Amino acid sequence: MNTKFDKDLKLIETDPGEGTMILRERKAELERIEREGRSCKNRFRLECLAQEYNRLKREYDALDAMV
């Protein structure tokens, strides 16, 4: 199963120059989720956003360590 993380990981391994672009896109996604979470009033949706944010943050940190 190829996830976005797996694809980004392979791309960084083959072309390290692409790492900054990938990290910039992922940082923007993290910021979008954080903004959405701040304005969300639905508790269930807020928990889903928190889980997604935590997963993406771990992936971001792993990719950042490679660059």
PDB file of N, CA and C in Angstrom:
ATOM      1  N   MET A   1       0.841  -1.177   0.000  1.00  0.00           N
ATOM      2  CA  MET A   1       0.000   0.000   0.000  1.00  0.00           C
ATOM      3  C   MET A   1       0.890   1.246   0.000  1.00  0.00           C
ATOM      4  N   ASN A   2       0.712   2.083  -0.984  1.00  0.00           N
ATOM      5  CA  ASN A   2       1.493   3.308  -1.083  1.00  0.00           C
ATOM      6  C   ASN A   2       0.699   4.480  -0.534  1.00  0.00           C
ATOM      7  N   THR A   3       1.133   4.972   0.599  1.00  0.00           N
ATOM      8  CA  THR A   3       0.505   6.151   1.173  1.00  0.00           C
ATOM      9  C   THR A   3       1.253   7.387   0.685  1.00  0.00           C
ATOM     10  N   LYS A   4       0.706   8.545   0.975  1.00  0.00           N
ATOM     11  CA  LYS A   4       1.372   9.788   0.595  1.00  0.00           C
ATOM     12  C   LYS A   4       2.738   9.870   1.272  1.00  0.00           C
ATOM     13  N   PHE A   5       2.807   9.388   2.511  1.00  0.00           N
ATOM     14  CA  PHE A   5       4.075   9.389   3.234  1.00  0.00           C
ATOM     15  C   PHE A   5       5.108   8.530   2.513  1.00  0.00           C
ATOM     16  N   ASP A   6       4.712   7.331   2.077  1.00  0.00           N
ATOM     17  CA  ASP A   6       5.636   6.444   1.364  1.00  0.00           C
ATOM     18  C   ASP A   6       6.131   7.085   0.073  1.00  0.00           C
ATOM     19  N   LYS A   7       5.233   7.718  -0.661  1.00  0.00           N
ATOM     20  CA  LYS A   7       5.614   8.377  -1.912  1.00  0.00           C
ATOM     21  C   LYS A   7       6.580   9.524  -1.653  1.00  0.00           C
ATOM     22  N   ASP A   8       6.284  10.334  -0.627  1.00  0.00           N
ATOM     23  CA  ASP A   8       7.168  11.447  -0.293  1.00  0.00           C
ATOM     24  C   ASP A   8       8.523  10.945   0.185  1.00  0.00           C
ATOM     25  N   LEU A   9       8.530   9.868   0.939  1.00  0.00           N
ATOM     26  CA  LEU A   9       9.769   9.285   1.436  1.00  0.00           C
ATOM     27  C   LEU A   9      10.653   8.825   0.277  1.00  0.00           C
ATOM     28  N   LYS A  10      10.059   8.127  -0.682  1.00  0.00           N
ATOM     29  CA  LYS A  10      10.822   7.671  -1.848  1.00  0.00           C
ATOM     30  C   LYS A  10      11.338   8.841  -2.664  1.00  0.00           C
ATOM     31  N   LEU A  11      10.513   9.875  -2.813  1.00  0.00           N
ATOM     32  CA  LEU A  11      10.923  11.041  -3.586  1.00  0.00           C
ATOM     33  C   LEU A  11      12.099  11.749  -2.928  1.00  0.00           C
ATOM     34  N   ILE A  12      12.074  11.864  -1.611  1.00  0.00           N
ATOM     35  CA  ILE A  12      13.186  12.500  -0.899  1.00  0.00           C
ATOM     36  C   ILE A  12      14.445  11.649  -1.006  1.00  0.00           C
ATOM     37  N   GLU A  13      14.291  10.325  -0.959  1.00  0.00           N
ATOM     38  CA  GLU A  13      15.457   9.444  -1.076  1.00  0.00           C
ATOM     39  C   GLU A  13      16.086   9.543  -2.459  1.00  0.00           C
ATOM     40  N   THR A  14      15.266   9.667  -3.504  1.00  0.00           N
ATOM     41  CA  THR A  14      15.807   9.730  -4.860  1.00  0.00           C
ATOM     42  C   THR A  14      16.267  11.129  -5.234  1.00  0.00           C
ATOM     43  N   ASP A  15      15.568  12.163  -4.762  1.00  0.00           N
ATOM     44  CA  ASP A  15      15.921  13.545  -5.099  1.00  0.00           C
ATOM     45  C   ASP A  15      15.799  14.424  -3.857  1.00  0.00           C
ATOM     46  N   PRO A  16      16.872  14.555  -3.080  1.00  0.00           N
ATOM     47  CA  PRO A  16      16.810  15.331  -1.836  1.00  0.00           C
ATOM     48  C   PRO A  16      16.415  16.794  -2.041  1.00  0.00           C
ATOM     49  N   GLY A  17      16.611  17.323  -3.230  1.00  0.00           N
ATOM     50  CA  GLY A  17      16.229  18.704  -3.509  1.00  0.00           C
ATOM     51  C   GLY A  17      14.733  18.945  -3.423  1.00  0.00           C
ATOM     52  N   GLU A  18      13.954  17.901  -3.598  1.00  0.00           N
ATOM     53  CA  GLU A  18      12.496  18.014  -3.527  1.00  0.00           C
ATOM     54  C   GLU A  18      12.004  18.083  -2.082  1.00  0.00           C
ATOM     55  N   GLY A  19      12.871  17.822  -1.142  1.00  0.00           N
ATOM     56  CA  GLY A  19      12.479  17.765   0.262  1.00  0.00           C
ATOM     57  C   GLY A  19      11.879  19.053   0.784  1.00  0.00           C
ATOM     58  N   THR A  20      12.455  20.188   0.407  1.00  0.00           N
ATOM     59  CA  THR A  20      11.933  21.459   0.912  1.00  0.00           C
ATOM     60  C   THR A  20      10.531  21.732   0.388  1.00  0.00           C
ATOM     61  N   MET A  21      10.273  21.386  -0.869  1.00  0.00           N
ATOM     62  CA  MET A  21       8.942  21.589  -1.433  1.00  0.00           C
ATOM     63  C   MET A  21       7.921  20.700  -0.723  1.00  0.00           C
ATOM     64  N   ILE A  22       8.284  19.445  -0.496  1.00  0.00           N
ATOM     65  CA  ILE A  22       7.386  18.502   0.178  1.00  0.00           C
ATOM     66  C   ILE A  22       7.103  18.974   1.598  1.00  0.00           C
ATOM     67  N   LEU A  23       8.140  19.400   2.311  1.00  0.00           N
ATOM     68  CA  LEU A  23       7.949  19.862   3.685  1.00  0.00           C
ATOM     69  C   LEU A  23       7.093  21.124   3.731  1.00  0.00           C
ATOM     70  N   ARG A  24       7.263  22.003   2.748  1.00  0.00           N
ATOM     71  CA  ARG A  24       6.462  23.222   2.700  1.00  0.00           C
ATOM     72  C   ARG A  24       4.979  22.887   2.518  1.00  0.00           C
ATOM     73  N   GLU A  25       4.691  21.937   1.631  1.00  0.00           N
ATOM     74  CA  GLU A  25       3.303  21.522   1.397  1.00  0.00           C
ATOM     75  C   GLU A  25       2.712  20.871   2.643  1.00  0.00           C
ATOM     76  N   ARG A  26       3.495  20.019   3.290  1.00  0.00           N
ATOM     77  CA  ARG A  26       2.998  19.335   4.486  1.00  0.00           C
ATOM     78  C   ARG A  26       2.807  20.322   5.639  1.00  0.00           C
ATOM     79  N   LYS A  27       3.677  21.320   5.752  1.00  0.00           N
ATOM     80  CA  LYS A  27       3.531  22.337   6.798  1.00  0.00           C
ATOM     81  C   LYS A  27       2.247  23.131   6.575  1.00  0.00           C
ATOM     82  N   ALA A  28       1.945  23.456   5.326  1.00  0.00           N
ATOM     83  CA  ALA A  28       0.707  24.172   5.010  1.00  0.00           C
ATOM     84  C   ALA A  28      -0.510  23.329   5.388  1.00  0.00           C
ATOM     85  N   GLU A  29      -0.442  22.033   5.145  1.00  0.00           N
ATOM     86  CA  GLU A  29      -1.542  21.136   5.508  1.00  0.00           C
ATOM     87  C   GLU A  29      -1.722  21.087   7.030  1.00  0.00           C
ATOM     88  N   LEU A  30      -0.625  21.040   7.772  1.00  0.00           N
ATOM     89  CA  LEU A  30      -0.705  21.051   9.234  1.00  0.00           C
ATOM     90  C   LEU A  30      -1.344  22.348   9.735  1.00  0.00           C
ATOM     91  N   GLU A  31      -0.962  23.466   9.134  1.00  0.00           N
ATOM     92  CA  GLU A  31      -1.523  24.751   9.539  1.00  0.00           C
ATOM     93  C   GLU A  31      -3.013  24.824   9.219  1.00  0.00           C
ATOM     94  N   ARG A  32      -3.426  24.260   8.085  1.00  0.00           N
ATOM     95  CA  ARG A  32      -4.838  24.257   7.708  1.00  0.00           C
ATOM     96  C   ARG A  32      -5.660  23.454   8.718  1.00  0.00           C
ATOM     97  N   ILE A  33      -5.143  22.288   9.095  1.00  0.00           N
ATOM     98  CA  ILE A  33      -5.850  21.441  10.062  1.00  0.00           C
ATOM     99  C   ILE A  33      -5.926  22.135  11.420  1.00  0.00           C
ATOM    100  N   GLU A  34      -4.852  22.799  11.809  1.00  0.00           N
ATOM    101  CA  GLU A  34      -4.848  23.502  13.093  1.00  0.00           C
ATOM    102  C   GLU A  34      -5.874  24.641  13.094  1.00  0.00           C
ATOM    103  N   ARG A  35      -5.937  25.412  12.011  1.00  0.00           N
ATOM    104  CA  ARG A  35      -6.935  26.486  11.910  1.00  0.00           C
ATOM    105  C   ARG A  35      -8.353  25.933  11.961  1.00  0.00           C
ATOM    106  N   GLU A  36      -8.579  24.851  11.219  1.00  0.00           N
ATOM    107  CA  GLU A  36      -9.905  24.237  11.201  1.00  0.00           C
ATOM    108  C   GLU A  36     -10.283  23.731  12.591  1.00  0.00           C
ATOM    109  N   GLY A  37      -9.319  23.171  13.301  1.00  0.00           N
ATOM    110  CA  GLY A  37      -9.578  22.670  14.646  1.00  0.00           C
ATOM    111  C   GLY A  37      -9.929  23.773  15.625  1.00  0.00           C
ATOM    112  N   ARG A  38      -9.330  24.929  15.452  1.00  0.00           N
ATOM    113  CA  ARG A  38      -9.624  26.049  16.354  1.00  0.00           C
ATOM    114  C   ARG A  38     -11.038  26.579  16.169  1.00  0.00           C
ATOM    115  N   SER A  39     -11.545  26.494  14.948  1.00  0.00           N
ATOM    116  CA  SER A  39     -12.879  27.036  14.690  1.00  0.00           C
ATOM    117  C   SER A  39     -13.978  25.974  14.772  1.00  0.00           C
ATOM    118  N   CYS A  40     -13.598  24.723  14.977  1.00  0.00           N
ATOM    119  CA  CYS A  40     -14.561  23.624  14.989  1.00  0.00           C
ATOM    120  C   CYS A  40     -15.304  23.562  16.323  1.00  0.00           C
ATOM    121  N   LYS A  41     -16.625  23.415  16.241  1.00  0.00           N
ATOM    122  CA  LYS A  41     -17.432  23.314  17.456  1.00  0.00           C
ATOM    123  C   LYS A  41     -17.954  21.898  17.674  1.00  0.00           C
ATOM    124  N   ASN A  42     -17.793  21.054  16.693  1.00  0.00           N
ATOM    125  CA  ASN A  42     -18.234  19.666  16.787  1.00  0.00           C
ATOM    126  C   ASN A  42     -17.131  18.853  17.468  1.00  0.00           C
ATOM    127  N   ARG A  43     -17.427  18.312  18.636  1.00  0.00           N
ATOM    128  CA  ARG A  43     -16.413  17.605  19.438  1.00  0.00           C
ATOM    129  C   ARG A  43     -15.850  16.378  18.715  1.00  0.00           C
ATOM    130  N   PHE A  44     -16.704  15.616  18.048  1.00  0.00           N
ATOM    131  CA  PHE A  44     -16.238  14.437  17.326  1.00  0.00           C
ATOM    132  C   PHE A  44     -15.294  14.843  16.196  1.00  0.00           C
ATOM    133  N   ARG A  45     -15.673  15.856  15.432  1.00  0.00           N
ATOM    134  CA  ARG A  45     -14.827  16.339  14.333  1.00  0.00           C
ATOM    135  C   ARG A  45     -13.498  16.857  14.875  1.00  0.00           C
ATOM    136  N   LEU A  46     -13.540  17.517  16.018  1.00  0.00           N
ATOM    137  CA  LEU A  46     -12.327  18.033  16.640  1.00  0.00           C
ATOM    138  C   LEU A  46     -11.371  16.902  17.007  1.00  0.00           C
ATOM    139  N   GLU A  47     -11.908  15.801  17.526  1.00  0.00           N
ATOM    140  CA  GLU A  47     -11.068  14.647  17.861  1.00  0.00           C
ATOM    141  C   GLU A  47     -10.459  14.032  16.602  1.00  0.00           C
ATOM    142  N   CYS A  48     -11.239  13.967  15.528  1.00  0.00           N
ATOM    143  CA  CYS A  48     -10.723  13.441  14.259  1.00  0.00           C
ATOM    144  C   CYS A  48      -9.599  14.322  13.728  1.00  0.00           C
ATOM    145  N   LEU A  49      -9.791  15.631  13.802  1.00  0.00           N
ATOM    146  CA  LEU A  49      -8.757  16.563  13.351  1.00  0.00           C
ATOM    147  C   LEU A  49      -7.493  16.425  14.195  1.00  0.00           C
ATOM    148  N   ALA A  50      -7.651  16.229  15.497  1.00  0.00           N
ATOM    149  CA  ALA A  50      -6.495  16.078  16.384  1.00  0.00           C
ATOM    150  C   ALA A  50      -5.706  14.820  16.034  1.00  0.00           C
ATOM    151  N   GLN A  51      -6.407  13.726  15.759  1.00  0.00           N
ATOM    152  CA  GLN A  51      -5.727  12.490  15.371  1.00  0.00           C
ATOM    153  C   GLN A  51      -5.001  12.662  14.044  1.00  0.00           C
ATOM    154  N   GLU A  52      -5.656  13.305  13.088  1.00  0.00           N
ATOM    155  CA  GLU A  52      -5.036  13.527  11.782  1.00  0.00           C
ATOM    156  C   GLU A  52      -3.820  14.439  11.916  1.00  0.00           C
ATOM    157  N   TYR A  53      -3.939  15.487  12.733  1.00  0.00           N
ATOM    158  CA  TYR A  53      -2.829  16.405  12.950  1.00  0.00           C
ATOM    159  C   TYR A  53      -1.634  15.675  13.558  1.00  0.00           C
ATOM    160  N   ASN A  54      -1.883  14.857  14.568  1.00  0.00           N
ATOM    161  CA  ASN A  54      -0.798  14.116  15.222  1.00  0.00           C
ATOM    162  C   ASN A  54      -0.106  13.162  14.257  1.00  0.00           C
ATOM    163  N   ARG A  55      -0.883  12.476  13.421  1.00  0.00           N
ATOM    164  CA  ARG A  55      -0.303  11.549  12.443  1.00  0.00           C
ATOM    165  C   ARG A  55       0.558  12.312  11.436  1.00  0.00           C
ATOM    166  N   LEU A  56       0.026  13.404  10.908  1.00  0.00           N
ATOM    167  CA  LEU A  56       0.767  14.182   9.919  1.00  0.00           C
ATOM    168  C   LEU A  56       2.001  14.844  10.528  1.00  0.00           C
ATOM    169  N   LYS A  57       1.916  15.245  11.786  1.00  0.00           N
ATOM    170  CA  LYS A  57       3.062  15.858  12.464  1.00  0.00           C
ATOM    171  C   LYS A  57       4.191  14.845  12.634  1.00  0.00           C
ATOM    172  N   ARG A  58       3.845  13.605  12.996  1.00  0.00           N
ATOM    173  CA  ARG A  58       4.871  12.552  13.109  1.00  0.00           C
ATOM    174  C   ARG A  58       5.527  12.307  11.750  1.00  0.00           C
ATOM    175  N   GLU A  59       4.716  12.249  10.691  1.00  0.00           N
ATOM    176  CA  GLU A  59       5.257  12.044   9.353  1.00  0.00           C
ATOM    177  C   GLU A  59       6.142  13.220   8.950  1.00  0.00           C
ATOM    178  N   TYR A  60       5.697  14.436   9.249  1.00  0.00           N
ATOM    179  CA  TYR A  60       6.471  15.634   8.926  1.00  0.00           C
ATOM    180  C   TYR A  60       7.829  15.596   9.626  1.00  0.00           C
ATOM    181  N   ASP A  61       7.832  15.248  10.899  1.00  0.00           N
ATOM    182  CA  ASP A  61       9.080  15.180  11.661  1.00  0.00           C
ATOM    183  C   ASP A  61      10.026  14.123  11.091  1.00  0.00           C
ATOM    184  N   ALA A  62       9.477  12.986  10.671  1.00  0.00           N
ATOM    185  CA  ALA A  62      10.309  11.926  10.089  1.00  0.00           C
ATOM    186  C   ALA A  62      10.920  12.387   8.766  1.00  0.00           C
ATOM    187  N   LEU A  63      10.133  13.047   7.939  1.00  0.00           N
ATOM    188  CA  LEU A  63      10.647  13.542   6.661  1.00  0.00           C
ATOM    189  C   LEU A  63      11.656  14.665   6.881  1.00  0.00           C
ATOM    190  N   ASP A  64      11.394  15.514   7.856  1.00  0.00           N
ATOM    191  CA  ASP A  64      12.299  16.621   8.152  1.00  0.00           C
ATOM    192  C   ASP A  64      13.657  16.102   8.610  1.00  0.00           C
ATOM    193  N   ALA A  65      13.664  15.010   9.335  1.00  0.00           N
ATOM    194  CA  ALA A  65      14.923  14.426   9.800  1.00  0.00           C
ATOM    195  C   ALA A  65      15.759  13.898   8.632  1.00  0.00           C
ATOM    196  N   MET A  66      15.092  13.527   7.547  1.00  0.00           N
ATOM    197  CA  MET A  66      15.811  13.000   6.382  1.00  0.00           C
ATOM    198  C   MET A  66      16.424  14.104   5.526  1.00  0.00           C
ATOM    199  N   VAL A  67      15.839  15.287   5.589  1.00  0.00           N
ATOM    200  CA  VAL A  67      16.305  16.399   4.743  1.00  0.00           C
ATOM    201  C   VAL A  67      17.422  17.090   5.389  1.00  0.00           C
TER     202      VAL A  67
END
